[in-house]
């Protein structure tokens, strides 16, 4: 993975350029709504809430949810477990214990979105558009657990260096769209909105 290229897209633009990049994004209302929906989801014996949230997340994707095997989470109550994770190390360990095959649609992209909405402070969204910034162009390159973990590490390492652009983007979204996104979301959105 080309980490330096991706990192430069976050750190090299001026603060004004970082904010201008995101002014035309149309994802703010739906992101806010999905975060709110996920905050209300609860584990249930049939996993109906998890399935409903997974279907909602797939509304953001160009494909539909066709299969799921929530046993691949390897925990009894995945919603509660993900929501209650409070630090990067525990979140990373959670991802490591998930089966290699993603619990939803065999897709680490779809799973990343589900994890993000359940805990937007810790889990970044992974996307084929973002993968291009890391030199990954094909699903066989980027739809993998090990690649998502590398991206997860990249996001948190970059955030630990506290780039000013992330704070500026968060402030812009708060001022213009009425909600405060996580720093993880702001960093990921900067990558997503930059055309590869």
C-alpha atoms as a PDB file:
ATOM      1  CA  UNK A   1       0.000   0.000   0.000  1.00  0.00           C
ATOM      2  CA  UNK A   2       1.240   3.475  -0.875  1.00  0.00           C
ATOM      3  CA  UNK A   3       0.816   5.211   2.485  1.00  0.00           C
ATOM      4  CA  UNK A   4       2.860   8.288   1.570  1.00  0.00           C
ATOM      5  CA  UNK A   5       0.634   9.186  -1.351  1.00  0.00           C
ATOM      6  CA  UNK A   6      -2.502   8.940   0.794  1.00  0.00           C
ATOM      7  CA  UNK A   7      -0.899  10.846   3.677  1.00  0.00           C
ATOM      8  CA  UNK A   8       0.127  13.682   1.349  1.00  0.00           C
ATOM      9  CA  UNK A   9      -3.512  14.115   0.275  1.00  0.00           C
ATOM     10  CA  UNK A  10      -4.374  14.880   3.896  1.00  0.00           C
ATOM     11  CA  UNK A  11      -1.381  16.907   5.011  1.00  0.00           C
ATOM     12  CA  UNK A  12      -0.223  18.859   1.932  1.00  0.00           C
ATOM     13  CA  UNK A  13      -3.298  20.929   1.035  1.00  0.00           C
ATOM     14  CA  UNK A  14      -3.761  24.216   2.836  1.00  0.00           C
ATOM     15  CA  UNK A  15      -6.550  24.283   5.404  1.00  0.00           C
ATOM     16  CA  UNK A  16      -8.642  26.386   3.019  1.00  0.00           C
ATOM     17  CA  UNK A  17      -8.106  23.886   0.190  1.00  0.00           C
ATOM     18  CA  UNK A  18      -9.046  20.965   2.461  1.00  0.00           C
ATOM     19  CA  UNK A  19     -12.321  22.671   3.379  1.00  0.00           C
ATOM     20  CA  UNK A  20     -13.044  23.742  -0.217  1.00  0.00           C
ATOM     21  CA  UNK A  21     -12.620  20.153  -1.361  1.00  0.00           C
ATOM     22  CA  UNK A  22     -15.555  19.118   0.814  1.00  0.00           C
ATOM     23  CA  UNK A  23     -17.965  21.998   0.186  1.00  0.00           C
ATOM     24  CA  UNK A  24     -19.808  20.206  -2.600  1.00  0.00           C
ATOM     25  CA  UNK A  25     -20.003  16.800  -0.909  1.00  0.00           C
ATOM     26  CA  UNK A  26     -23.580  15.512  -0.705  1.00  0.00           C
ATOM     27  CA  UNK A  27     -23.007  12.921   2.007  1.00  0.00           C
ATOM     28  CA  UNK A  28     -23.542  15.003   5.158  1.00  0.00           C
ATOM     29  CA  UNK A  29     -27.292  14.466   5.764  1.00  0.00           C
ATOM     30  CA  UNK A  30     -27.182  10.731   5.037  1.00  0.00           C
ATOM     31  CA  UNK A  31     -24.043  10.236   7.150  1.00  0.00           C
ATOM     32  CA  UNK A  32     -25.646  12.055  10.075  1.00  0.00           C
ATOM     33  CA  UNK A  33     -28.866  10.011   9.663  1.00  0.00           C
ATOM     34  CA  UNK A  34     -27.033   6.676   9.536  1.00  0.00           C
ATOM     35  CA  UNK A  35     -24.956   7.533  12.615  1.00  0.00           C
ATOM     36  CA  UNK A  36     -28.215   8.374  14.430  1.00  0.00           C
ATOM     37  CA  UNK A  37     -29.901   5.174  13.213  1.00  0.00           C
ATOM     38  CA  UNK A  38     -26.935   3.066  14.333  1.00  0.00           C
ATOM     39  CA  UNK A  39     -26.954   4.711  17.757  1.00  0.00           C
ATOM     40  CA  UNK A  40     -30.481   3.381  18.277  1.00  0.00           C
ATOM     41  CA  UNK A  41     -29.853  -0.185  17.074  1.00  0.00           C
ATOM     42  CA  UNK A  42     -29.841  -2.929  19.700  1.00  0.00           C
ATOM     43  CA  UNK A  43     -28.842  -6.575  19.585  1.00  0.00           C
ATOM     44  CA  UNK A  44     -31.766  -8.983  19.392  1.00  0.00           C
ATOM     45  CA  UNK A  45     -32.001 -12.796  19.173  1.00  0.00           C
ATOM     46  CA  UNK A  46     -32.765 -12.824  15.440  1.00  0.00           C
ATOM     47  CA  UNK A  47     -30.210 -10.089  14.618  1.00  0.00           C
ATOM     48  CA  UNK A  48     -33.000  -8.055  13.007  1.00  0.00           C
ATOM     49  CA  UNK A  49     -31.457  -4.728  14.063  1.00  0.00           C
ATOM     50  CA  UNK A  50     -28.062  -5.749  12.716  1.00  0.00           C
ATOM     51  CA  UNK A  51     -29.620  -6.882   9.444  1.00  0.00           C
ATOM     52  CA  UNK A  52     -31.683  -3.674   9.136  1.00  0.00           C
ATOM     53  CA  UNK A  53     -28.609  -1.547   9.783  1.00  0.00           C
ATOM     54  CA  UNK A  54     -26.598  -3.600   7.278  1.00  0.00           C
ATOM     55  CA  UNK A  55     -29.320  -3.011   4.658  1.00  0.00           C
ATOM     56  CA  UNK A  56     -29.265   0.714   5.436  1.00  0.00           C
ATOM     57  CA  UNK A  57     -25.499   0.828   5.070  1.00  0.00           C
ATOM     58  CA  UNK A  58     -25.805  -0.872   1.697  1.00  0.00           C
ATOM     59  CA  UNK A  59     -28.010   2.021   0.619  1.00  0.00           C
ATOM     60  CA  UNK A  60     -24.681   3.889   0.341  1.00  0.00           C
ATOM     61  CA  UNK A  61     -23.232   1.274  -1.974  1.00  0.00           C
ATOM     62  CA  UNK A  62     -23.746   0.460  -5.656  1.00  0.00           C
ATOM     63  CA  UNK A  63     -24.711  -3.119  -4.816  1.00  0.00           C
ATOM     64  CA  UNK A  64     -27.359  -4.683  -2.597  1.00  0.00           C
ATOM     65  CA  UNK A  65     -26.954  -6.794   0.503  1.00  0.00           C
ATOM     66  CA  UNK A  66     -27.257 -10.376  -0.713  1.00  0.00           C
ATOM     67  CA  UNK A  67     -25.793 -12.485   2.087  1.00  0.00           C
ATOM     68  CA  UNK A  68     -24.753 -12.233   5.683  1.00  0.00           C
ATOM     69  CA  UNK A  69     -23.399 -14.514   8.331  1.00  0.00           C
ATOM     70  CA  UNK A  70     -23.287 -12.613  11.593  1.00  0.00           C
ATOM     71  CA  UNK A  71     -21.587 -15.589  13.260  1.00  0.00           C
ATOM     72  CA  UNK A  72     -18.429 -14.399  11.483  1.00  0.00           C
ATOM     73  CA  UNK A  73     -18.238 -11.562  14.003  1.00  0.00           C
ATOM     74  CA  UNK A  74     -17.343 -14.244  16.572  1.00  0.00           C
ATOM     75  CA  UNK A  75     -19.187 -12.396  19.351  1.00  0.00           C
ATOM     76  CA  UNK A  76     -22.685 -12.842  20.762  1.00  0.00           C
ATOM     77  CA  UNK A  77     -23.830  -9.208  20.600  1.00  0.00           C
ATOM     78  CA  UNK A  78     -21.903  -7.433  17.857  1.00  0.00           C
ATOM     79  CA  UNK A  79     -23.835  -4.158  18.081  1.00  0.00           C
ATOM     80  CA  UNK A  80     -23.135  -3.742  21.787  1.00  0.00           C
ATOM     81  CA  UNK A  81     -19.541  -4.900  21.471  1.00  0.00           C
ATOM     82  CA  UNK A  82     -18.703  -2.504  18.627  1.00  0.00           C
ATOM     83  CA  UNK A  83     -20.543   0.406  20.219  1.00  0.00           C
ATOM     84  CA  UNK A  84     -18.767  -0.096  23.560  1.00  0.00           C
ATOM     85  CA  UNK A  85     -15.246  -0.186  22.162  1.00  0.00           C
ATOM     86  CA  UNK A  86     -13.489   2.882  23.522  1.00  0.00           C
ATOM     87  CA  UNK A  87      -9.923   2.827  22.244  1.00  0.00           C
ATOM     88  CA  UNK A  88      -7.951   2.116  19.100  1.00  0.00           C
ATOM     89  CA  UNK A  89      -6.203  -0.984  20.456  1.00  0.00           C
ATOM     90  CA  UNK A  90      -9.449  -2.715  21.439  1.00  0.00           C
ATOM     91  CA  UNK A  91     -11.090  -1.778  18.133  1.00  0.00           C
ATOM     92  CA  UNK A  92      -8.141  -3.224  16.222  1.00  0.00           C
ATOM     93  CA  UNK A  93      -8.315  -6.433  18.280  1.00  0.00           C
ATOM     94  CA  UNK A  94     -12.022  -6.672  17.518  1.00  0.00           C
ATOM     95  CA  UNK A  95     -11.333  -6.541  13.776  1.00  0.00           C
ATOM     96  CA  UNK A  96      -8.568  -9.123  14.109  1.00  0.00           C
ATOM     97  CA  UNK A  97     -10.952 -11.640  15.720  1.00  0.00           C
ATOM     98  CA  UNK A  98     -13.541 -11.349  12.923  1.00  0.00           C
ATOM     99  CA  UNK A  99     -13.362 -14.179  10.389  1.00  0.00           C
ATOM    100  CA  UNK A 100     -11.368 -13.516   7.217  1.00  0.00           C
ATOM    101  CA  UNK A 101     -14.668 -13.643   5.336  1.00  0.00           C
ATOM    102  CA  UNK A 102     -16.632 -10.494   6.166  1.00  0.00           C
ATOM    103  CA  UNK A 103     -19.960 -11.072   7.968  1.00  0.00           C
ATOM    104  CA  UNK A 104     -21.844  -8.982   5.401  1.00  0.00           C
ATOM    105  CA  UNK A 105     -21.741  -9.683   1.663  1.00  0.00           C
ATOM    106  CA  UNK A 106     -18.209 -11.066   2.065  1.00  0.00           C
ATOM    107  CA  UNK A 107     -17.268  -7.389   1.761  1.00  0.00           C
ATOM    108  CA  UNK A 108     -14.763  -5.548   3.913  1.00  0.00           C
ATOM    109  CA  UNK A 109     -15.983  -2.338   2.307  1.00  0.00           C
ATOM    110  CA  UNK A 110     -19.553  -2.956   3.441  1.00  0.00           C
ATOM    111  CA  UNK A 111     -18.387  -4.150   6.842  1.00  0.00           C
ATOM    112  CA  UNK A 112     -16.253  -1.034   7.313  1.00  0.00           C
ATOM    113  CA  UNK A 113     -19.340   1.117   6.803  1.00  0.00           C
ATOM    114  CA  UNK A 114     -21.345  -0.905   9.321  1.00  0.00           C
ATOM    115  CA  UNK A 115     -18.552  -0.698  11.900  1.00  0.00           C
ATOM    116  CA  UNK A 116     -18.160   3.031  11.246  1.00  0.00           C
ATOM    117  CA  UNK A 117     -21.819   3.825  11.841  1.00  0.00           C
ATOM    118  CA  UNK A 118     -21.844   1.816  15.040  1.00  0.00           C
ATOM    119  CA  UNK A 119     -18.659   3.500  16.298  1.00  0.00           C
ATOM    120  CA  UNK A 120     -17.622   6.451  14.097  1.00  0.00           C
ATOM    121  CA  UNK A 121     -14.871   7.532  16.497  1.00  0.00           C
ATOM    122  CA  UNK A 122     -12.845   4.367  15.884  1.00  0.00           C
ATOM    123  CA  UNK A 123     -13.722   2.704  12.572  1.00  0.00           C
ATOM    124  CA  UNK A 124     -12.889   4.351   9.243  1.00  0.00           C
ATOM    125  CA  UNK A 125     -14.902   3.677   6.121  1.00  0.00           C
ATOM    126  CA  UNK A 126     -12.925   1.792   3.477  1.00  0.00           C
ATOM    127  CA  UNK A 127     -13.949   2.240  -0.133  1.00  0.00           C
ATOM    128  CA  UNK A 128     -12.693   1.334  -3.606  1.00  0.00           C
ATOM    129  CA  UNK A 129     -12.316   5.052  -4.339  1.00  0.00           C
ATOM    130  CA  UNK A 130     -10.088   5.492  -1.286  1.00  0.00           C
ATOM    131  CA  UNK A 131      -8.163   2.316  -2.141  1.00  0.00           C
ATOM    132  CA  UNK A 132      -6.935   3.933  -5.356  1.00  0.00           C
ATOM    133  CA  UNK A 133      -4.993   6.490  -3.313  1.00  0.00           C
ATOM    134  CA  UNK A 134      -3.072   3.549  -1.816  1.00  0.00           C
ATOM    135  CA  UNK A 135      -2.316   2.078  -5.244  1.00  0.00           C
ATOM    136  CA  UNK A 136      -5.011  -0.613  -4.966  1.00  0.00           C
ATOM    137  CA  UNK A 137      -7.313  -0.849  -7.973  1.00  0.00           C
ATOM    138  CA  UNK A 138      -8.933  -4.284  -7.945  1.00  0.00           C
ATOM    139  CA  UNK A 139     -11.239  -5.965  -5.394  1.00  0.00           C
ATOM    140  CA  UNK A 140      -8.737  -8.801  -4.999  1.00  0.00           C
ATOM    141  CA  UNK A 141      -6.276  -6.151  -3.769  1.00  0.00           C
ATOM    142  CA  UNK A 142      -8.528  -4.142  -1.443  1.00  0.00           C
ATOM    143  CA  UNK A 143     -11.454  -6.345  -0.340  1.00  0.00           C
ATOM    144  CA  UNK A 144      -9.401  -8.076   2.339  1.00  0.00           C
ATOM    145  CA  UNK A 145      -9.232  -8.071   6.098  1.00  0.00           C
ATOM    146  CA  UNK A 146      -5.462  -7.478   6.212  1.00  0.00           C
ATOM    147  CA  UNK A 147      -5.810  -4.451   3.939  1.00  0.00           C
ATOM    148  CA  UNK A 148      -8.611  -2.991   6.064  1.00  0.00           C
ATOM    149  CA  UNK A 149      -6.429  -3.410   9.160  1.00  0.00           C
ATOM    150  CA  UNK A 150      -3.555  -1.632   7.392  1.00  0.00           C
ATOM    151  CA  UNK A 151      -5.917   1.210   6.474  1.00  0.00           C
ATOM    152  CA  UNK A 152      -7.286   1.310  10.042  1.00  0.00           C
ATOM    153  CA  UNK A 153      -3.706   1.648  11.324  1.00  0.00           C
ATOM    154  CA  UNK A 154      -2.928   4.337   8.747  1.00  0.00           C
ATOM    155  CA  UNK A 155      -5.951   6.429   9.764  1.00  0.00           C
ATOM    156  CA  UNK A 156      -5.184   6.289  13.474  1.00  0.00           C
ATOM    157  CA  UNK A 157      -1.468   6.891  12.989  1.00  0.00           C
ATOM    158  CA  UNK A 158      -2.222   9.927  10.809  1.00  0.00           C
ATOM    159  CA  UNK A 159      -4.736  11.250  13.335  1.00  0.00           C
ATOM    160  CA  UNK A 160      -2.218  10.867  16.158  1.00  0.00           C
ATOM    161  CA  UNK A 161      -0.088  13.428  14.349  1.00  0.00           C
ATOM    162  CA  UNK A 162      -3.074  15.807  14.604  1.00  0.00           C
ATOM    163  CA  UNK A 163      -3.153  17.322  11.145  1.00  0.00           C
ATOM    164  CA  UNK A 164      -4.714  20.767  11.154  1.00  0.00           C
ATOM    165  CA  UNK A 165      -6.778  19.941   8.091  1.00  0.00           C
ATOM    166  CA  UNK A 166      -8.835  17.351   9.940  1.00  0.00           C
ATOM    167  CA  UNK A 167      -9.781  19.884  12.629  1.00  0.00           C
ATOM    168  CA  UNK A 168     -10.660  22.474   9.987  1.00  0.00           C
ATOM    169  CA  UNK A 169     -12.838  19.999   8.100  1.00  0.00           C
ATOM    170  CA  UNK A 170     -14.614  18.982  11.328  1.00  0.00           C
ATOM    171  CA  UNK A 171     -15.300  22.629  12.136  1.00  0.00           C
ATOM    172  CA  UNK A 172     -16.607  23.301   8.620  1.00  0.00           C
ATOM    173  CA  UNK A 173     -19.014  20.350   8.761  1.00  0.00           C
ATOM    174  CA  UNK A 174     -20.182  21.351  12.246  1.00  0.00           C
ATOM    175  CA  UNK A 175     -20.816  24.949  11.169  1.00  0.00           C
ATOM    176  CA  UNK A 176     -22.393  24.202   7.783  1.00  0.00           C
ATOM    177  CA  UNK A 177     -24.260  20.953   8.413  1.00  0.00           C
ATOM    178  CA  UNK A 178     -25.208  21.023  12.081  1.00  0.00           C
ATOM    179  CA  UNK A 179     -23.411  17.991  13.442  1.00  0.00           C
ATOM    180  CA  UNK A 180     -19.885  17.177  14.568  1.00  0.00           C
ATOM    181  CA  UNK A 181     -18.374  14.274  12.642  1.00  0.00           C
ATOM    182  CA  UNK A 182     -15.594  12.210  14.135  1.00  0.00           C
ATOM    183  CA  UNK A 183     -12.009  12.954  13.148  1.00  0.00           C
ATOM    184  CA  UNK A 184     -11.924   9.476  11.610  1.00  0.00           C
ATOM    185  CA  UNK A 185     -14.813  10.476   9.324  1.00  0.00           C
ATOM    186  CA  UNK A 186     -13.171  13.778   8.382  1.00  0.00           C
ATOM    187  CA  UNK A 187      -9.901  12.126   7.399  1.00  0.00           C
ATOM    188  CA  UNK A 188     -11.660   9.407   5.415  1.00  0.00           C
ATOM    189  CA  UNK A 189     -13.895  11.968   3.681  1.00  0.00           C
ATOM    190  CA  UNK A 190     -10.853  13.974   2.564  1.00  0.00           C
ATOM    191  CA  UNK A 191      -9.509  10.860   0.851  1.00  0.00           C
ATOM    192  CA  UNK A 192     -12.891   9.933  -0.604  1.00  0.00           C
ATOM    193  CA  UNK A 193     -13.542  13.360  -2.124  1.00  0.00           C
ATOM    194  CA  UNK A 194     -10.083  13.633  -3.705  1.00  0.00           C
ATOM    195  CA  UNK A 195     -10.326  12.224  -7.220  1.00  0.00           C
ATOM    196  CA  UNK A 196      -7.708   9.539  -7.880  1.00  0.00           C
END
